Amino acid sequence: MGAFTTASCTGDNDATPPTSAVNTTTSTVPPRADDGVLKVGVLLPATGPGETLGTPMRVAVEAGIALINENGGVLGSEVDYAVADESTPTGMQDLLDDGVDAIIGPASSLVALSQLATAVSSPNGVVVCSPTATALALDDFPDNGYFFRTAPSDSLQMEAIARQAERTGEATATIAYLDDPYGRGLASAVADDIAERDVLELVNQVAFSGDLENLSVLAATVLADSPGVVILLADADDGGRFLAAIDEIAQGGAAPQIVLNDAIRTARQAISSLSPSVRMRLTGVAPASASIEGGPEGAFAGQAVDCLNLIALAVQQSGSDAPREFRRDIAAVTAVGQLCDTFAECNDLLSQDLQIDYNGLSGNIDLSGTTGDRTRAMFDRFQFESDGTERPLDPPIFMP
């Protein structure tokens, strides 16, 4: 999750992960012994605002570990694991002190940015795989090859948003964005993609502060050039207020198409209060979440299990549970090889000395060997009913 990205499949407020900053730790990571036993740490929110997102992911990972162990474990031994609460300041350090070889989590981008450096320090780093941390700032994080994501980066989501803006058939676009480091990064990424596509003309970019009580003047600036489509990038509170300001000005006139990032989907009250003529012209774009059939009900449980399976398969392929060794095989098991979508199926292929291409619960993953990020992903599109709830649109957007 980003600073104002919920990446929730339902848009429920209680699915929003914790976004409070956590103090950066400065301790070191002791060397990890190559002892033949893979120990996984689970760092997901168990309390606070992110609990309803984190708990199903944790339950899914624990069930996944049990399934791996039922199928012979990893390197001939059962997978061990430890759990920590991401919402506490010491969660990641507690897992590092417990001697884990890999960590699944955190869910929040802010937690990742504040605590990741210690976990991925070289040469004694541990592999970290987040199922939901999407922030642009993590794209170029100096992770020494230890950090991976099964959720797509916001850079890929901004490409999907630019594509949706292009799909409207309009000729001109304006970007309105929350004026903070996160919002500026998103706006820059969308603007760059629009320029590369050379289909839409970007006529303006308008930054707005969440501290402003009245956004009417800036909303008027956004509409002044009569753009065919407005791309709005913000959190739920400020995005909802900006939509209300656009609605106030546009009522009685022709409203533009408005494309929203996924965080604004939780602004249900504000969206339900919009005039029908404006609300019907809203389209949201969000990373598709992966649920587990017959498993815990919750967004992104599939991405969490994909993290687990990638770690386990990389250890099997490398023949070592030392993070400095098996980190090199995380992306490799998603590349060219025999297609498989479960640990048992993929592990059977590895036992035959075959290369594998793990296509997991969240689809065709294809991680970059350079950045550890997904090179392709599916994004849901949705509009809104009169009560602010979402109405899915087909088809989704496949990137790239």
Protein backbone atom coordinates (compact mmCIF):
# COMPACT_ATOMS: atom_id res chain seq x y z
CA MET A 1 0.00 0.00 0.00
CA GLY A 2 1.14 3.46 -0.64
CA ALA A 3 0.73 6.55 1.48
CA PHE A 4 -2.78 6.97 0.14
CA THR A 5 -3.22 3.73 -1.77
CA THR A 6 -5.55 1.17 -0.23
CA ALA A 7 -5.30 -1.50 -2.95
CA SER A 8 -8.47 -3.01 -1.52
CA CYS A 9 -10.73 -5.25 -3.58
CA THR A 10 -13.82 -4.10 -1.68
CA GLY A 11 -13.10 -0.48 -0.94
CA ASP A 12 -14.14 -0.93 2.69
CA ASN A 13 -12.57 1.53 5.09
CA ASP A 14 -11.61 -1.33 7.39
CA ALA A 15 -9.51 -2.83 4.60
CA THR A 16 -7.15 0.15 4.63
CA PRO A 17 -3.71 -0.81 5.97
CA PRO A 18 -1.91 1.10 8.71
CA THR A 19 -0.05 4.07 7.28
CA SER A 20 1.49 5.69 10.36
CA ALA A 21 5.22 6.13 10.16
CA VAL A 22 7.41 3.81 12.20
CA ASN A 23 10.85 4.80 13.46
CA THR A 24 13.68 3.39 11.39
CA THR A 25 15.69 0.77 13.23
CA THR A 26 19.47 0.91 13.31
CA SER A 27 20.42 -2.53 14.61
CA THR A 28 22.16 -5.08 12.44
CA VAL A 29 21.09 -8.48 11.19
CA PRO A 30 23.17 -11.43 12.43
CA PRO A 31 24.38 -13.91 9.78
CA ARG A 32 21.79 -16.48 8.71
CA ALA A 33 22.95 -20.07 9.04
CA ASP A 34 22.43 -22.38 6.08
CA ASP A 35 20.96 -25.03 8.37
CA GLY A 36 18.55 -26.68 5.93
CA VAL A 37 15.45 -25.34 7.70
CA LEU A 38 13.53 -22.50 6.08
CA LYS A 39 12.10 -20.15 8.70
CA VAL A 40 9.58 -17.61 7.49
CA GLY A 41 8.49 -14.48 9.33
CA VAL A 42 4.96 -13.14 8.83
CA LEU A 43 4.82 -9.37 9.31
CA LEU A 44 1.26 -8.17 8.72
CA PRO A 45 -1.08 -5.88 10.69
CA ALA A 46 -2.81 -7.77 13.50
CA THR A 47 -4.22 -4.74 15.33
CA GLY A 48 -5.40 -1.27 14.41
CA PRO A 49 -6.90 -0.09 11.11
CA GLY A 50 -5.15 -2.75 9.03
CA GLU A 51 -6.25 -5.77 11.07
CA THR A 52 -9.08 -6.78 8.73
CA LEU A 53 -6.65 -6.74 5.80
CA GLY A 54 -3.75 -8.40 7.61
CA THR A 55 -5.55 -11.19 9.45
CA PRO A 56 -6.88 -13.06 6.37
CA MET A 57 -3.45 -12.80 4.75
CA ARG A 58 -1.79 -14.24 7.84
CA VAL A 59 -4.31 -17.08 8.05
CA ALA A 60 -3.75 -17.82 4.35
CA VAL A 61 0.03 -17.90 4.80
CA GLU A 62 -0.23 -20.23 7.79
CA ALA A 63 -2.48 -22.56 5.77
CA GLY A 64 0.02 -22.37 2.92
CA ILE A 65 2.88 -23.37 5.22
CA ALA A 66 0.86 -26.34 6.46
CA LEU A 67 0.21 -27.39 2.86
CA ILE A 68 3.90 -27.17 1.97
CA ASN A 69 4.78 -29.28 5.00
CA GLU A 70 2.14 -31.84 4.03
CA ASN A 71 3.92 -32.10 0.68
CA GLY A 72 7.34 -32.85 2.11
CA GLY A 73 8.41 -29.42 3.25
CA VAL A 74 11.43 -27.59 1.86
CA LEU A 75 14.89 -29.16 1.57
CA GLY A 76 13.43 -32.21 3.28
CA SER A 77 12.44 -30.32 6.44
CA GLU A 78 9.22 -28.71 7.59
CA VAL A 79 8.99 -24.95 7.13
CA ASP A 80 9.14 -23.09 10.44
CA TYR A 81 7.57 -19.68 10.95
CA ALA A 82 7.13 -16.79 13.36
CA VAL A 83 4.49 -14.05 13.44
CA ALA A 84 4.80 -10.38 14.39
CA ASP A 85 2.38 -7.46 14.32
CA GLU A 86 3.30 -4.90 11.68
CA SER A 87 1.36 -2.27 13.63
CA THR A 88 3.93 -2.33 16.43
CA PRO A 89 7.23 -0.40 16.12
CA THR A 90 9.40 -3.48 16.73
CA GLY A 91 7.62 -6.04 14.56
CA MET A 92 10.25 -6.43 11.87
CA GLN A 93 13.16 -6.32 14.30
CA ASP A 94 11.50 -8.98 16.45
CA LEU A 95 11.42 -11.31 13.44
CA LEU A 96 15.04 -10.55 12.56
CA ASP A 97 16.07 -11.30 16.14
CA ASP A 98 14.10 -14.55 15.89
CA GLY A 99 16.36 -15.71 13.07
CA VAL A 100 13.94 -15.81 10.14
CA ASP A 101 15.32 -16.35 6.63
CA ALA A 102 12.52 -14.48 4.89
CA ILE A 103 9.67 -12.13 5.78
CA ILE A 104 6.22 -11.95 4.19
CA GLY A 105 5.10 -8.34 4.57
CA PRO A 106 4.80 -5.60 5.52
CA ALA A 107 1.46 -4.56 4.07
CA SER A 108 2.08 -0.82 4.38
CA SER A 109 4.48 1.04 2.10
CA LEU A 110 5.34 3.46 4.91
CA VAL A 111 6.35 0.60 7.19
CA ALA A 112 8.41 -0.90 4.39
CA LEU A 113 10.17 2.38 3.69
CA SER A 114 10.93 2.99 7.36
CA GLN A 115 12.05 -0.53 8.35
CA LEU A 116 13.25 -2.26 5.20
CA ALA A 117 16.84 -1.00 5.24
CA THR A 118 17.91 -3.13 8.19
CA ALA A 119 16.24 -6.27 6.88
CA VAL A 120 17.93 -6.09 3.47
CA SER A 121 21.37 -5.04 4.65
CA SER A 122 24.24 -6.82 2.94
CA PRO A 123 25.70 -9.38 3.35
CA ASN A 124 23.35 -10.66 6.09
CA GLY A 125 20.00 -9.51 4.75
CA VAL A 126 16.83 -11.59 4.66
CA VAL A 127 14.43 -11.91 1.76
CA VAL A 128 11.38 -9.67 2.16
CA CYS A 129 8.28 -10.12 -0.01
CA SER A 130 5.35 -7.73 0.36
CA PRO A 131 1.91 -8.70 -0.96
CA THR A 132 0.56 -5.13 -0.88
CA ALA A 133 3.23 -2.40 -0.51
CA THR A 134 2.94 -0.57 -3.83
CA ALA A 135 4.73 2.78 -3.30
CA LEU A 136 6.74 4.26 -6.15
CA ALA A 137 9.52 5.02 -3.67
CA LEU A 138 10.12 1.29 -3.30
CA ASP A 139 10.89 0.91 -7.03
CA ASP A 140 14.45 2.10 -6.60
CA PHE A 141 14.94 1.20 -2.94
CA PRO A 142 18.55 0.04 -2.33
CA ASP A 143 17.49 -3.47 -1.31
CA ASN A 144 20.61 -5.41 -2.38
CA GLY A 145 18.36 -7.82 -4.27
CA TYR A 146 16.46 -8.97 -1.16
CA PHE A 147 13.08 -7.20 -1.65
CA PHE A 148 10.23 -8.45 -3.86
CA ARG A 149 6.55 -7.61 -4.36
CA THR A 150 3.63 -9.70 -5.57
CA ALA A 151 1.45 -6.59 -5.80
CA PRO A 152 2.26 -4.30 -8.74
CA SER A 153 4.13 -1.08 -8.09
CA ASP A 154 2.22 2.18 -8.33
CA SER A 155 4.35 2.94 -11.38
CA LEU A 156 2.49 0.15 -13.19
CA GLN A 157 -0.83 1.35 -11.78
CA MET A 158 -0.16 4.84 -13.16
CA GLU A 159 0.36 3.27 -16.60
CA ALA A 160 -3.02 1.56 -16.19
CA ILE A 161 -4.62 4.88 -15.21
CA ALA A 162 -3.11 6.56 -18.27
CA ARG A 163 -4.49 3.75 -20.42
CA GLN A 164 -7.96 4.18 -18.87
CA ALA A 165 -7.81 7.93 -19.55
CA GLU A 166 -6.92 7.09 -23.14
CA ARG A 167 -9.85 4.63 -23.35
CA THR A 168 -12.33 7.44 -22.67
CA GLY A 169 -11.74 8.62 -26.24
CA GLU A 170 -11.20 12.19 -25.05
CA ALA A 171 -8.46 14.33 -26.59
CA THR A 172 -7.27 16.37 -23.60
CA ALA A 173 -6.47 15.63 -19.95
CA THR A 174 -5.65 17.46 -16.74
CA ILE A 175 -4.01 15.86 -13.70
CA ALA A 176 -5.14 16.97 -10.23
CA TYR A 177 -3.05 15.59 -7.39
CA LEU A 178 -2.47 15.91 -3.68
CA ASP A 179 0.62 18.04 -3.18
CA ASP A 180 2.82 15.76 -1.10
CA PRO A 181 5.82 13.60 -2.06
CA TYR A 182 3.62 10.62 -2.82
CA GLY A 183 1.12 12.54 -4.91
CA ARG A 184 3.83 14.36 -6.83
CA GLY A 185 5.45 11.03 -7.71
CA LEU A 186 2.18 9.57 -8.98
CA ALA A 187 1.40 12.67 -11.05
CA SER A 188 4.86 12.64 -12.60
CA ALA A 189 4.52 8.95 -13.51
CA VAL A 190 1.11 9.48 -15.16
CA ALA A 191 2.33 12.55 -17.03
CA ASP A 192 5.35 10.67 -18.37
CA ASP A 193 3.18 7.80 -19.56
CA ILE A 194 0.70 10.13 -21.26
CA ALA A 195 3.61 11.81 -23.05
CA GLU A 196 4.96 8.45 -24.22
CA ARG A 197 1.57 7.34 -25.54
CA ASP A 198 1.11 10.59 -27.48
CA VAL A 199 -2.66 10.07 -27.71
CA LEU A 200 -3.93 12.47 -25.06
CA GLU A 201 -2.80 16.08 -24.81
CA LEU A 202 -1.96 16.98 -21.21
CA VAL A 203 -3.22 20.55 -20.84
CA ASN A 204 -2.55 21.15 -17.15
CA GLN A 205 -1.36 19.70 -13.84
CA VAL A 206 -2.89 21.13 -10.68
CA ALA A 207 -1.55 20.40 -7.20
CA PHE A 208 -3.77 20.91 -4.17
CA SER A 209 -3.06 20.86 -0.46
CA GLY A 210 -5.07 18.82 1.98
CA ASP A 211 -4.75 21.75 4.41
CA LEU A 212 -6.95 23.98 2.26
CA GLU A 213 -10.46 24.21 3.62
CA ASN A 214 -11.94 25.40 0.32
CA LEU A 215 -10.85 23.65 -2.87
CA SER A 216 -13.25 25.48 -5.18
CA VAL A 217 -10.62 27.77 -6.73
CA LEU A 218 -8.34 24.87 -7.59
CA ALA A 219 -11.25 22.81 -8.89
CA ALA A 220 -12.16 25.73 -11.14
CA THR A 221 -8.55 25.81 -12.37
CA VAL A 222 -8.78 22.13 -13.25
CA LEU A 223 -11.94 22.72 -15.28
CA ALA A 224 -10.83 26.02 -16.84
CA ASP A 225 -9.28 24.41 -19.92
CA SER A 226 -12.36 22.18 -20.41
CA PRO A 227 -10.32 18.95 -20.34
CA GLY A 228 -12.05 15.88 -21.69
CA VAL A 229 -10.74 13.80 -18.78
CA VAL A 230 -9.48 14.67 -15.29
CA ILE A 231 -7.09 12.26 -13.57
CA LEU A 232 -7.50 12.66 -9.81
CA LEU A 233 -4.76 11.25 -7.53
CA ALA A 234 -5.35 11.63 -3.81
CA ASP A 235 -6.36 9.93 -0.59
CA ALA A 236 -9.99 9.27 0.29
CA ASP A 237 -10.58 12.37 2.42
CA ASP A 238 -8.98 14.98 0.17
CA GLY A 239 -9.96 13.20 -3.02
CA GLY A 240 -13.57 13.14 -1.84
CA ARG A 241 -13.44 16.85 -1.03
CA PHE A 242 -11.95 17.64 -4.44
CA LEU A 243 -14.70 15.65 -6.16
CA ALA A 244 -17.28 17.66 -4.23
CA ALA A 245 -15.64 20.91 -5.38
CA ILE A 246 -15.67 19.75 -9.01
CA ASP A 247 -19.32 18.74 -8.63
CA GLU A 248 -20.26 22.16 -7.27
CA ILE A 249 -18.74 23.87 -10.29
CA ALA A 250 -19.80 21.36 -12.94
CA GLN A 251 -23.47 21.07 -11.96
CA GLY A 252 -25.59 22.40 -14.75
CA GLY A 253 -22.71 22.05 -17.21
CA ALA A 254 -20.81 19.32 -18.97
CA ALA A 255 -18.64 17.40 -16.51
CA PRO A 256 -15.42 15.80 -17.73
CA GLN A 257 -14.66 12.13 -17.44
CA ILE A 258 -12.81 11.59 -14.14
CA VAL A 259 -10.35 8.72 -13.58
CA LEU A 260 -9.50 7.97 -9.93
CA ASN A 261 -6.68 6.12 -8.23
CA ASP A 262 -7.79 3.30 -5.96
CA ALA A 263 -7.51 5.14 -2.62
CA ILE A 264 -10.44 7.42 -3.45
CA ARG A 265 -12.75 4.41 -3.73
CA THR A 266 -13.21 4.46 0.06
CA ALA A 267 -14.73 7.97 -0.04
CA ARG A 268 -18.20 6.45 -0.26
CA GLN A 269 -20.07 9.21 1.54
CA ALA A 270 -18.55 11.92 -0.65
CA ILE A 271 -19.18 9.91 -3.82
CA SER A 272 -22.78 9.13 -2.86
CA SER A 273 -23.36 12.88 -2.36
CA LEU A 274 -22.27 13.78 -5.89
CA SER A 275 -24.80 14.73 -8.52
CA PRO A 276 -25.65 11.79 -10.80
CA SER A 277 -24.21 13.60 -13.82
CA VAL A 278 -20.77 13.74 -12.17
CA ARG A 279 -20.87 10.39 -10.36
CA MET A 280 -21.69 8.51 -13.58
CA ARG A 281 -18.52 9.90 -15.14
CA LEU A 282 -16.19 8.52 -12.47
CA THR A 283 -14.02 5.48 -13.20
CA GLY A 284 -11.63 3.98 -10.66
CA VAL A 285 -8.57 1.85 -11.40
CA ALA A 286 -7.08 -0.52 -8.80
CA PRO A 287 -4.76 -3.54 -8.65
CA ALA A 288 -6.79 -6.73 -8.85
CA SER A 289 -6.71 -8.62 -5.58
CA ALA A 290 -6.50 -12.39 -5.42
CA SER A 291 -8.72 -14.32 -3.05
CA ILE A 292 -8.41 -18.02 -2.26
CA GLU A 293 -11.28 -20.35 -3.14
CA GLY A 294 -12.41 -21.97 0.08
CA GLY A 295 -9.85 -19.93 2.02
CA PRO A 296 -10.08 -16.90 4.29
CA GLU A 297 -12.22 -14.06 2.97
CA GLY A 298 -9.99 -11.05 2.51
CA ALA A 299 -8.24 -8.95 -0.08
CA PHE A 300 -4.79 -9.99 -1.28
CA ALA A 301 -4.62 -13.31 0.56
CA GLY A 302 -3.57 -14.78 -2.78
CA GLN A 303 -0.67 -12.35 -3.13
CA ALA A 304 0.49 -13.27 0.38
CA VAL A 305 0.49 -17.00 -0.44
CA ASP A 306 2.32 -16.24 -3.68
CA CYS A 307 5.08 -14.63 -1.60
CA LEU A 308 5.32 -17.80 0.49
CA ASN A 309 5.40 -20.14 -2.50
CA LEU A 310 8.00 -18.07 -4.33
CA ILE A 311 10.27 -18.14 -1.28
CA ALA A 312 9.84 -21.89 -0.77
CA LEU A 313 10.41 -22.70 -4.45
CA ALA A 314 13.47 -20.45 -4.64
CA VAL A 315 14.97 -22.27 -1.64
CA GLN A 316 14.26 -25.61 -3.31
CA GLN A 317 15.79 -24.49 -6.59
CA SER A 318 18.91 -23.01 -5.01
CA GLY A 319 19.36 -25.91 -2.57
CA SER A 320 20.01 -23.44 0.24
CA ASP A 321 17.98 -21.62 2.87
CA ALA A 322 20.63 -18.89 3.13
CA PRO A 323 18.92 -15.66 1.95
CA ARG A 324 22.04 -14.45 0.13
CA GLU A 325 21.78 -17.60 -2.00
CA PHE A 326 18.08 -18.18 -2.66
CA ARG A 327 17.27 -14.49 -3.28
CA ARG A 328 18.78 -15.00 -6.75
CA ASP A 329 16.13 -17.61 -7.57
CA ILE A 330 13.00 -15.68 -6.53
CA ALA A 331 12.56 -14.01 -9.92
CA ALA A 332 14.00 -17.03 -11.72
CA VAL A 333 11.14 -19.33 -10.67
CA THR A 334 8.66 -16.92 -12.32
CA ALA A 335 10.50 -16.84 -15.63
CA VAL A 336 10.89 -19.24 -18.55
CA GLY A 337 10.02 -22.84 -17.77
CA GLN A 338 7.18 -25.29 -17.23
CA LEU A 339 3.99 -23.53 -16.12
CA CYS A 340 2.73 -24.47 -12.65
CA ASP A 341 0.50 -22.77 -10.09
CA THR A 342 0.92 -24.58 -6.77
CA PHE A 343 3.89 -25.40 -4.59
CA ALA A 344 3.32 -29.14 -4.95
CA GLU A 345 3.07 -29.00 -8.74
CA CYS A 346 6.08 -26.71 -9.13
CA ASN A 347 8.14 -28.69 -6.63
CA ASP A 348 7.47 -31.89 -8.54
CA LEU A 349 8.85 -30.26 -11.69
CA LEU A 350 11.93 -29.04 -9.81
CA SER A 351 12.53 -32.60 -8.59
CA GLN A 352 12.76 -33.58 -12.27
CA ASP A 353 15.45 -30.90 -12.82
CA LEU A 354 13.04 -28.84 -14.92
CA GLN A 355 12.83 -25.07 -14.96
CA ILE A 356 9.54 -23.64 -13.71
CA ASP A 357 7.37 -20.62 -14.39
CA TYR A 358 5.24 -20.12 -11.29
CA ASN A 359 1.85 -18.65 -12.14
CA GLY A 360 0.26 -18.23 -8.76
CA LEU A 361 -3.01 -17.22 -7.21
CA SER A 362 -2.53 -13.65 -8.41
CA GLY A 363 -1.95 -14.69 -12.01
CA ASN A 364 1.10 -14.50 -14.23
CA ILE A 365 3.61 -12.93 -11.87
CA ASP A 366 6.82 -12.53 -13.93
CA LEU A 367 9.06 -10.71 -11.45
CA SER A 368 11.89 -8.55 -12.74
CA GLY A 369 15.30 -9.99 -11.92
CA THR A 370 16.56 -6.41 -11.50
CA THR A 371 13.90 -4.74 -9.35
CA GLY A 372 11.97 -7.69 -7.88
CA ASP A 373 8.73 -6.07 -9.07
CA ARG A 374 5.97 -7.49 -11.25
CA THR A 375 6.46 -6.70 -14.91
CA ARG A 376 2.78 -7.40 -15.65
CA ALA A 377 -0.45 -7.28 -13.67
CA MET A 378 -4.22 -7.01 -13.96
CA PHE A 379 -6.09 -3.91 -12.82
CA ASP A 380 -9.78 -3.73 -12.00
CA ARG A 381 -11.97 -0.95 -13.34
CA PHE A 382 -15.09 0.19 -11.54
CA GLN A 383 -17.77 2.87 -11.41
CA PHE A 384 -20.09 3.79 -8.55
CA GLU A 385 -23.69 3.25 -7.58
CA SER A 386 -25.78 6.01 -6.00
CA ASP A 387 -24.81 4.84 -2.50
CA GLY A 388 -21.09 5.04 -3.30
CA THR A 389 -20.53 1.30 -3.63
CA GLU A 390 -18.57 0.00 -6.58
CA ARG A 391 -19.84 -1.55 -9.79
CA PRO A 392 -17.14 -3.56 -11.59
CA LEU A 393 -16.47 -2.87 -15.24
CA ASP A 394 -15.36 -5.40 -17.84
CA PRO A 395 -12.86 -5.96 -19.20
CA PRO A 396 -10.10 -5.24 -16.67
CA ILE A 397 -6.84 -3.68 -17.78
CA PHE A 398 -3.88 -5.95 -18.35
CA MET A 399 -0.49 -4.27 -18.09
CA PRO A 400 1.76 -3.91 -19.90
